[in-house]
Amino acid sequence: MIYVLDLLGVAIFAITGAITAGQKKMDIFGVIVVATVTAVGGGTTRDLVLGMRPFWVSDPLYIAVCLFAGLGAFIYVYFAKPPLR
């Protein structure tokens, strides 16, 4: 259950990063990069400071979640044109 919630949190952070990148008129590659950095950046920094291996290196599902969430957010914003601030 905790693993699923962890993946859900990564997906939510990836979506917020993708929406922010979309507001800055980035292309799909920039959106995916910003979504991934937003989603796993804090945990990676934590792991490196503690001298551990980053969590997404051991479990590549985290990167896949970032890619799909970022791509999904990009497609949603591109086609639906929701009112963003």
N, C-alpha and C. Protein backbone atom coordinates (compact mmCIF):
# COMPACT_ATOMS: atom_id res chain seq x y z
N MET A 1 0.82 -1.18 0.00
CA MET A 1 0.00 0.00 0.00
C MET A 1 0.87 1.26 0.00
N ILE A 2 1.94 1.27 0.79
CA ILE A 2 2.82 2.43 0.84
C ILE A 2 3.52 2.64 -0.50
N TYR A 3 3.89 1.56 -1.16
CA TYR A 3 4.54 1.64 -2.47
C TYR A 3 3.61 2.30 -3.50
N VAL A 4 2.35 1.92 -3.49
CA VAL A 4 1.38 2.49 -4.42
C VAL A 4 1.18 3.98 -4.13
N LEU A 5 1.10 4.35 -2.86
CA LEU A 5 0.97 5.76 -2.50
C LEU A 5 2.22 6.54 -2.89
N ASP A 6 3.38 5.92 -2.78
CA ASP A 6 4.62 6.56 -3.19
C ASP A 6 4.61 6.83 -4.70
N LEU A 7 4.18 5.85 -5.48
CA LEU A 7 4.08 6.04 -6.93
C LEU A 7 3.04 7.10 -7.27
N LEU A 8 1.95 7.15 -6.53
CA LEU A 8 0.93 8.16 -6.75
C LEU A 8 1.49 9.56 -6.47
N GLY A 9 2.25 9.69 -5.42
CA GLY A 9 2.88 10.98 -5.11
C GLY A 9 3.85 11.41 -6.19
N VAL A 10 4.63 10.48 -6.70
CA VAL A 10 5.55 10.78 -7.80
C VAL A 10 4.76 11.24 -9.02
N ALA A 11 3.65 10.57 -9.32
CA ALA A 11 2.83 10.94 -10.47
C ALA A 11 2.25 12.35 -10.29
N ILE A 12 1.80 12.68 -9.11
CA ILE A 12 1.23 14.01 -8.86
C ILE A 12 2.29 15.09 -9.01
N PHE A 13 3.49 14.85 -8.49
CA PHE A 13 4.56 15.83 -8.65
C PHE A 13 4.96 15.96 -10.12
N ALA A 14 4.96 14.86 -10.86
CA ALA A 14 5.27 14.91 -12.29
C ALA A 14 4.22 15.72 -13.04
N ILE A 15 2.97 15.55 -12.68
CA ILE A 15 1.90 16.32 -13.34
C ILE A 15 2.05 17.81 -13.06
N THR A 16 2.36 18.17 -11.82
CA THR A 16 2.53 19.60 -11.51
C THR A 16 3.73 20.18 -12.25
N GLY A 17 4.80 19.41 -12.36
CA GLY A 17 5.96 19.88 -13.13
C GLY A 17 5.64 20.02 -14.60
N ALA A 18 4.88 19.08 -15.15
CA ALA A 18 4.51 19.14 -16.56
C ALA A 18 3.60 20.33 -16.84
N ILE A 19 2.67 20.60 -15.95
CA ILE A 19 1.78 21.75 -16.15
C ILE A 19 2.57 23.06 -16.08
N THR A 20 3.49 23.15 -15.15
CA THR A 20 4.32 24.35 -15.05
C THR A 20 5.17 24.54 -16.30
N ALA A 21 5.75 23.45 -16.79
CA ALA A 21 6.54 23.53 -18.02
C ALA A 21 5.66 23.89 -19.21
N GLY A 22 4.45 23.40 -19.24
CA GLY A 22 3.53 23.74 -20.32
C GLY A 22 3.14 25.20 -20.30
N GLN A 23 3.03 25.78 -19.11
CA GLN A 23 2.72 27.20 -19.00
C GLN A 23 3.86 28.06 -19.54
N LYS A 24 5.08 27.52 -19.48
CA LYS A 24 6.24 28.23 -20.01
C LYS A 24 6.45 27.96 -21.50
N LYS A 25 5.48 27.30 -22.14
CA LYS A 25 5.49 27.01 -23.58
C LYS A 25 6.66 26.12 -24.00
N MET A 26 7.01 25.14 -23.16
CA MET A 26 8.08 24.20 -23.52
C MET A 26 7.54 23.14 -24.46
N ASP A 27 8.46 22.52 -25.20
CA ASP A 27 8.06 21.41 -26.06
C ASP A 27 7.93 20.14 -25.23
N ILE A 28 7.58 19.04 -25.89
CA ILE A 28 7.30 17.79 -25.16
C ILE A 28 8.53 17.29 -24.42
N PHE A 29 9.72 17.43 -25.00
CA PHE A 29 10.93 16.99 -24.31
C PHE A 29 11.17 17.79 -23.04
N GLY A 30 11.03 19.10 -23.12
CA GLY A 30 11.20 19.94 -21.94
C GLY A 30 10.19 19.64 -20.86
N VAL A 31 8.95 19.36 -21.27
CA VAL A 31 7.90 19.02 -20.31
C VAL A 31 8.26 17.72 -19.57
N ILE A 32 8.71 16.72 -20.31
CA ILE A 32 9.07 15.43 -19.68
C ILE A 32 10.26 15.60 -18.74
N VAL A 33 11.25 16.38 -19.14
CA VAL A 33 12.42 16.58 -18.28
C VAL A 33 12.03 17.31 -17.00
N VAL A 34 11.25 18.38 -17.13
CA VAL A 34 10.83 19.13 -15.93
C VAL A 34 9.94 18.27 -15.05
N ALA A 35 9.05 17.49 -15.65
CA ALA A 35 8.19 16.60 -14.86
C ALA A 35 9.03 15.58 -14.08
N THR A 36 10.03 15.00 -14.73
CA THR A 36 10.86 13.99 -14.07
C THR A 36 11.70 14.61 -12.96
N VAL A 37 12.30 15.75 -13.23
CA VAL A 37 13.12 16.41 -12.21
C VAL A 37 12.27 16.84 -11.02
N THR A 38 11.08 17.33 -11.30
CA THR A 38 10.18 17.73 -10.22
C THR A 38 9.77 16.53 -9.37
N ALA A 39 9.50 15.41 -10.02
CA ALA A 39 8.98 14.24 -9.32
C ALA A 39 10.04 13.52 -8.49
N VAL A 40 11.25 13.40 -9.01
CA VAL A 40 12.25 12.59 -8.30
C VAL A 40 13.43 13.41 -7.78
N GLY A 41 13.44 14.71 -8.02
CA GLY A 41 14.58 15.54 -7.62
C GLY A 41 14.83 15.59 -6.13
N GLY A 42 13.78 15.81 -5.36
CA GLY A 42 13.96 15.92 -3.91
C GLY A 42 14.42 14.62 -3.27
N GLY A 43 13.82 13.52 -3.68
CA GLY A 43 14.22 12.22 -3.15
C GLY A 43 15.63 11.83 -3.56
N THR A 44 16.02 12.21 -4.78
CA THR A 44 17.38 11.94 -5.24
C THR A 44 18.39 12.72 -4.42
N THR A 45 18.09 13.98 -4.16
CA THR A 45 18.98 14.79 -3.33
C THR A 45 19.11 14.20 -1.93
N ARG A 46 17.99 13.79 -1.36
CA ARG A 46 18.00 13.17 -0.04
C ARG A 46 18.88 11.93 -0.03
N ASP A 47 18.69 11.06 -1.01
CA ASP A 47 19.45 9.82 -1.06
C ASP A 47 20.94 10.08 -1.24
N LEU A 48 21.30 11.04 -2.08
CA LEU A 48 22.71 11.34 -2.30
C LEU A 48 23.36 11.94 -1.06
N VAL A 49 22.66 12.79 -0.35
CA VAL A 49 23.20 13.37 0.88
C VAL A 49 23.41 12.28 1.93
N LEU A 50 22.51 11.31 1.97
CA LEU A 50 22.64 10.20 2.93
C LEU A 50 23.63 9.13 2.47
N GLY A 51 24.20 9.30 1.28
CA GLY A 51 25.17 8.34 0.78
C GLY A 51 24.54 7.06 0.25
N MET A 52 23.29 7.15 -0.15
CA MET A 52 22.58 5.99 -0.67
C MET A 52 22.43 6.10 -2.19
N ARG A 53 22.05 5.00 -2.78
CA ARG A 53 21.75 4.97 -4.20
C ARG A 53 20.37 5.60 -4.41
N PRO A 54 20.22 6.48 -5.43
CA PRO A 54 18.89 7.07 -5.68
C PRO A 54 17.83 5.99 -5.88
N PHE A 55 16.66 6.24 -5.34
CA PHE A 55 15.60 5.24 -5.32
C PHE A 55 15.13 4.84 -6.71
N TRP A 56 15.19 5.75 -7.67
CA TRP A 56 14.69 5.45 -9.00
C TRP A 56 15.68 4.61 -9.81
N VAL A 57 16.91 4.52 -9.36
CA VAL A 57 17.88 3.66 -10.04
C VAL A 57 17.56 2.20 -9.75
N SER A 58 17.16 1.92 -8.53
CA SER A 58 16.82 0.55 -8.14
C SER A 58 15.48 0.09 -8.68
N ASP A 59 14.58 1.03 -8.89
CA ASP A 59 13.23 0.70 -9.36
C ASP A 59 12.85 1.64 -10.50
N PRO A 60 13.09 1.24 -11.75
CA PRO A 60 12.82 2.13 -12.89
C PRO A 60 11.34 2.42 -13.12
N LEU A 61 10.45 1.81 -12.35
CA LEU A 61 9.03 2.11 -12.48
C LEU A 61 8.75 3.57 -12.13
N TYR A 62 9.57 4.15 -11.26
CA TYR A 62 9.41 5.56 -10.91
C TYR A 62 9.59 6.44 -12.14
N ILE A 63 10.59 6.16 -12.95
CA ILE A 63 10.82 6.95 -14.17
C ILE A 63 9.69 6.73 -15.16
N ALA A 64 9.20 5.51 -15.26
CA ALA A 64 8.07 5.23 -16.16
C ALA A 64 6.83 6.01 -15.73
N VAL A 65 6.59 6.07 -14.43
CA VAL A 65 5.45 6.84 -13.92
C VAL A 65 5.63 8.32 -14.26
N CYS A 66 6.84 8.83 -14.12
CA CYS A 66 7.11 10.23 -14.47
C CYS A 66 6.83 10.48 -15.95
N LEU A 67 7.30 9.59 -16.79
CA LEU A 67 7.10 9.75 -18.24
C LEU A 67 5.63 9.74 -18.61
N PHE A 68 4.90 8.76 -18.11
CA PHE A 68 3.48 8.65 -18.47
C PHE A 68 2.65 9.79 -17.87
N ALA A 69 2.95 10.18 -16.64
CA ALA A 69 2.21 11.29 -16.02
C ALA A 69 2.51 12.60 -16.73
N GLY A 70 3.77 12.84 -17.06
CA GLY A 70 4.14 14.06 -17.78
C GLY A 70 3.54 14.10 -19.17
N LEU A 71 3.59 12.99 -19.86
CA LEU A 71 3.00 12.91 -21.20
C LEU A 71 1.49 13.08 -21.14
N GLY A 72 0.86 12.44 -20.17
CA GLY A 72 -0.58 12.57 -20.01
C GLY A 72 -1.00 13.99 -19.71
N ALA A 73 -0.25 14.66 -18.85
CA ALA A 73 -0.57 16.06 -18.53
C ALA A 73 -0.36 16.95 -19.74
N PHE A 74 0.70 16.70 -20.50
CA PHE A 74 0.96 17.48 -21.71
C PHE A 74 -0.17 17.32 -22.72
N ILE A 75 -0.59 16.10 -22.94
CA ILE A 75 -1.68 15.85 -23.89
C ILE A 75 -2.98 16.46 -23.40
N TYR A 76 -3.27 16.34 -22.13
CA TYR A 76 -4.50 16.91 -21.58
C TYR A 76 -4.52 18.43 -21.76
N VAL A 77 -3.43 19.08 -21.38
CA VAL A 77 -3.38 20.54 -21.48
C VAL A 77 -3.42 20.98 -22.94
N TYR A 78 -2.77 20.24 -23.83
CA TYR A 78 -2.72 20.60 -25.25
C TYR A 78 -4.10 20.51 -25.90
N PHE A 79 -4.84 19.45 -25.60
CA PHE A 79 -6.13 19.25 -26.27
C PHE A 79 -7.31 19.84 -25.52
N ALA A 80 -7.30 19.79 -24.20
CA ALA A 80 -8.46 20.26 -23.44
C ALA A 80 -8.42 21.77 -23.19
N LYS A 81 -7.22 22.35 -23.20
CA LYS A 81 -7.06 23.78 -22.93
C LYS A 81 -7.78 24.22 -21.66
N PRO A 82 -7.43 23.60 -20.50
CA PRO A 82 -8.08 24.01 -19.25
C PRO A 82 -7.63 25.41 -18.84
N PRO A 83 -8.43 26.11 -18.09
CA PRO A 83 -8.03 27.45 -17.64
C PRO A 83 -6.93 27.33 -16.58
N LEU A 84 -5.73 27.73 -16.91
CA LEU A 84 -4.62 27.67 -15.98
C LEU A 84 -4.30 29.08 -15.51
N ARG A 85 -3.75 29.18 -14.34
CA ARG A 85 -3.40 30.50 -13.79
C ARG A 85 -2.10 30.98 -14.34
